[in-house]
C-alpha atoms as a PDB file:
ATOM      1  CA  MET A   1       0.002   0.014   0.007  1.00  0.00           C
ATOM      2  CA  GLN A   2       1.397   3.368  -0.983  1.00  0.00           C
ATOM      3  CA  GLU A   3       1.867   5.955   1.771  1.00  0.00           C
ATOM      4  CA  PRO A   4      -0.772   8.416   0.473  1.00  0.00           C
ATOM      5  CA  THR A   5      -3.420   5.651   0.457  1.00  0.00           C
ATOM      6  CA  PHE A   6      -2.385   4.591   3.942  1.00  0.00           C
ATOM      7  CA  LEU A   7      -2.712   8.178   5.131  1.00  0.00           C
ATOM      8  CA  VAL A   8      -6.121   8.728   3.462  1.00  0.00           C
ATOM      9  CA  LEU A   9      -7.466   5.544   5.118  1.00  0.00           C
ATOM     10  CA  THR A  10      -5.906   6.634   8.455  1.00  0.00           C
ATOM     11  CA  ALA A  11      -7.499  10.071   8.086  1.00  0.00           C
ATOM     12  CA  LEU A  12     -10.896   8.385   7.915  1.00  0.00           C
ATOM     13  CA  THR A  13     -10.527   6.213  11.011  1.00  0.00           C
ATOM     14  CA  GLY A  14     -12.322   8.842  13.085  1.00  0.00           C
ATOM     15  CA  GLU A  15     -15.277  10.665  11.665  1.00  0.00           C
ATOM     16  CA  PRO A  16     -16.408  10.994   8.053  1.00  0.00           C
ATOM     17  CA  LEU A  17     -14.553  13.838   6.233  1.00  0.00           C
ATOM     18  CA  HIS A  18     -14.971  15.792   3.034  1.00  0.00           C
ATOM     19  CA  GLY A  19     -12.096  16.190   0.559  1.00  0.00           C
ATOM     20  CA  TYR A  20     -10.539  19.254   2.082  1.00  0.00           C
ATOM     21  CA  GLY A  21     -10.718  17.782   5.552  1.00  0.00           C
ATOM     22  CA  ILE A  22      -8.934  14.659   4.282  1.00  0.00           C
ATOM     23  CA  LEU A  23      -6.233  16.818   2.668  1.00  0.00           C
ATOM     24  CA  GLN A  24      -5.707  18.580   5.998  1.00  0.00           C
ATOM     25  CA  GLN A  25      -5.590  15.311   7.969  1.00  0.00           C
ATOM     26  CA  VAL A  26      -3.116  13.735   5.580  1.00  0.00           C
ATOM     27  CA  THR A  27      -0.832  16.711   5.881  1.00  0.00           C
ATOM     28  CA  ALA A  28      -1.068  16.689   9.718  1.00  0.00           C
ATOM     29  CA  LEU A  29      -0.619  12.882  10.001  1.00  0.00           C
ATOM     30  CA  SER A  30       2.493  12.993   7.883  1.00  0.00           C
ATOM     31  CA  GLY A  31       3.979  15.992   9.706  1.00  0.00           C
ATOM     32  CA  GLY A  32       3.748  17.918   6.484  1.00  0.00           C
ATOM     33  CA  THR A  33       5.819  15.505   4.409  1.00  0.00           C
ATOM     34  CA  VAL A  34       2.826  14.346   2.340  1.00  0.00           C
ATOM     35  CA  VAL A  35       0.727  17.100   0.744  1.00  0.00           C
ATOM     36  CA  LEU A  36      -1.769  15.783  -1.725  1.00  0.00           C
ATOM     37  CA  GLY A  37      -3.090  17.806  -4.636  1.00  0.00           C
ATOM     38  CA  ALA A  38      -6.832  17.922  -5.194  1.00  0.00           C
ATOM     39  CA  GLY A  39      -6.574  15.903  -8.407  1.00  0.00           C
ATOM     40  CA  THR A  40      -4.502  13.226  -6.732  1.00  0.00           C
ATOM     41  CA  LEU A  41      -6.848  13.039  -3.755  1.00  0.00           C
ATOM     42  CA  TYR A  42     -10.079  12.822  -5.766  1.00  0.00           C
ATOM     43  CA  GLY A  43      -8.560  10.172  -8.069  1.00  0.00           C
ATOM     44  CA  ALA A  44      -7.581   8.205  -4.937  1.00  0.00           C
ATOM     45  CA  LEU A  45     -11.040   8.622  -3.369  1.00  0.00           C
ATOM     46  CA  ASP A  46     -12.689   7.287  -6.557  1.00  0.00           C
ATOM     47  CA  ARG A  47     -10.299   4.315  -6.585  1.00  0.00           C
ATOM     48  CA  LEU A  48     -10.796   3.549  -2.903  1.00  0.00           C
ATOM     49  CA  THR A  49     -14.508   3.811  -3.277  1.00  0.00           C
ATOM     50  CA  GLU A  50     -14.485   1.385  -6.208  1.00  0.00           C
ATOM     51  CA  GLN A  51     -12.417  -1.006  -4.128  1.00  0.00           C
ATOM     52  CA  GLY A  52     -14.941  -0.828  -1.314  1.00  0.00           C
ATOM     53  CA  LEU A  53     -12.373   0.574   1.163  1.00  0.00           C
ATOM     54  CA  ILE A  54     -14.272   3.804   1.695  1.00  0.00           C
ATOM     55  CA  ALA A  55     -17.859   4.907   0.993  1.00  0.00           C
ATOM     56  CA  VAL A  56     -19.709   8.178   0.598  1.00  0.00           C
ATOM     57  CA  GLU A  57     -21.378   8.793   3.913  1.00  0.00           C
ATOM     58  CA  ARG A  58     -23.422  11.789   2.819  1.00  0.00           C
ATOM     59  CA  GLU A  59     -23.493  14.673   0.418  1.00  0.00           C
ATOM     60  CA  GLU A  60     -24.480  18.247   1.115  1.00  0.00           C
ATOM     61  CA  ALA A  61     -24.612  21.433  -0.979  1.00  0.00           C
ATOM     62  CA  VAL A  62     -22.388  24.247   0.286  1.00  0.00           C
ATOM     63  CA  ASP A  63     -22.344  27.526  -1.572  1.00  0.00           C
ATOM     64  CA  GLY A  64     -23.814  25.799  -4.639  1.00  0.00           C
ATOM     65  CA  ARG A  65     -21.205  23.037  -4.647  1.00  0.00           C
ATOM     66  CA  LEU A  66     -21.645  19.427  -3.714  1.00  0.00           C
ATOM     67  CA  ARG A  67     -19.569  18.347  -0.730  1.00  0.00           C
ATOM     68  CA  ARG A  68     -19.152  14.592  -0.207  1.00  0.00           C
ATOM     69  CA  TYR A  69     -18.228  13.126   3.107  1.00  0.00           C
ATOM     70  CA  TYR A  70     -16.333   9.825   3.026  1.00  0.00           C
ATOM     71  CA  ARG A  71     -16.127   7.139   5.716  1.00  0.00           C
ATOM     72  CA  LEU A  72     -13.906   4.120   6.179  1.00  0.00           C
ATOM     73  CA  THR A  73     -15.710   0.877   5.455  1.00  0.00           C
ATOM     74  CA  ASP A  74     -15.228  -2.344   7.512  1.00  0.00           C
ATOM     75  CA  GLU A  75     -13.210  -3.719   4.554  1.00  0.00           C
ATOM     76  CA  GLY A  76     -11.100  -0.585   4.539  1.00  0.00           C
ATOM     77  CA  ALA A  77     -10.485  -0.857   8.298  1.00  0.00           C
ATOM     78  CA  GLY A  78      -9.411  -4.465   7.779  1.00  0.00           C
ATOM     79  CA  ARG A  79      -6.948  -3.564   4.987  1.00  0.00           C
ATOM     80  CA  LEU A  80      -5.579  -0.687   7.096  1.00  0.00           C
ATOM     81  CA  SER A  81      -5.140  -2.986  10.054  1.00  0.00           C
ATOM     82  CA  THR A  82      -3.293  -5.532   7.915  1.00  0.00           C
ATOM     83  CA  GLU A  83      -0.991  -2.768   6.595  1.00  0.00           C
ATOM     84  CA  VAL A  84      -0.363  -1.478  10.111  1.00  0.00           C
ATOM     85  CA  GLU A  85       0.781  -4.973  11.162  1.00  0.00           C
ATOM     86  CA  ARG A  86       3.004  -5.300   8.012  1.00  0.00           C
ATOM     87  CA  LEU A  87       4.633  -1.995   8.714  1.00  0.00           C
ATOM     88  CA  ARG A  88       5.099  -2.851  12.390  1.00  0.00           C
ATOM     89  CA  ARG A  89       6.873  -6.110  11.456  1.00  0.00           C
ATOM     90  CA  ASN A  90       9.138  -4.290   9.013  1.00  0.00           C
ATOM     91  CA  ALA A  91       9.990  -1.531  11.447  1.00  0.00           C
ATOM     92  CA  ASN A  92      10.723  -4.148  14.187  1.00  0.00           C
ATOM     93  CA  ALA A  93      12.993  -6.019  11.801  1.00  0.00           C
ATOM     94  CA  ALA A  94      14.835  -2.805  10.879  1.00  0.00           C
ATOM     95  CA  ALA A  95      15.205  -1.799  14.588  1.00  0.00           C
ATOM     96  CA  ALA A  96      16.516  -5.249  15.462  1.00  0.00           C
ATOM     97  CA  GLY A  97      19.087  -5.086  12.613  1.00  0.00           C
ATOM     98  CA  LEU A  98      20.186  -1.651  13.787  1.00  0.00           C
ATOM     99  CA  ARG A  99      20.545  -2.877  17.383  1.00  0.00           C
ATOM    100  CA  ARG A 100      22.761  -5.766  16.168  1.00  0.00           C
ATOM    101  CA  ARG A 101      24.785  -3.300  14.118  1.00  0.00           C
ATOM    102  CA  VAL A 102      25.234  -0.975  17.054  1.00  0.00           C
ATOM    103  CA  ALA A 103      26.564  -3.899  19.082  1.00  0.00           C
ATOM    104  CA  LEU A 104      29.448  -4.357  16.638  1.00  0.00           C
ATOM    105  CA  PRO A 105      32.813  -2.844  17.593  1.00  0.00           C
ATOM    106  CA  GLY A 106      33.554   0.512  15.949  1.00  0.00           C
ATOM    107  CA  THR A 107      29.931   1.448  15.183  1.00  0.00           C
ATOM    108  CA  PRO A 108      28.333   4.663  16.547  1.00  0.00           C
ATOM    109  CA  ASP A 109      26.083   4.440  19.553  1.00  0.00           C
ATOM    110  CA  LEU A 110      22.566   4.703  18.084  1.00  0.00           C
ATOM    111  CA  GLN A 111      20.893   2.746  20.865  1.00  0.00           C
ATOM    112  CA  ALA A 112      18.935   5.721  22.292  1.00  0.00           C
ATOM    113  CA  GLY A 113      16.931   6.084  19.027  1.00  0.00           C
ATOM    114  CA  LEU A 114      16.069   2.303  18.890  1.00  0.00           C
ATOM    115  CA  ALA A 115      14.143   1.953  22.144  1.00  0.00           C
END
């Protein structure tokens, strides 16, 4: 799963959000390192809706424009949970490798960052 998809699904773990709210959440969740453009976001929302990972919760007209609110589906929550576990395993393997590396003579002391 690509990072933007992961972040969009994560943004929807709380309450349903409209597109701009999702953009703001993705930026906040990533600490500003992932900033989606509107075209990228709406393409992703269409794809995730087609895949059944998110659904339109409701639509409302605001200033003459249609605002769609999206929610995470049970299938989407399951896929996100699977991805969280995969990332956790990978991060744990990387941390273990770094701890072994730090234990070798002549390597810098990185132990504090691996707790």
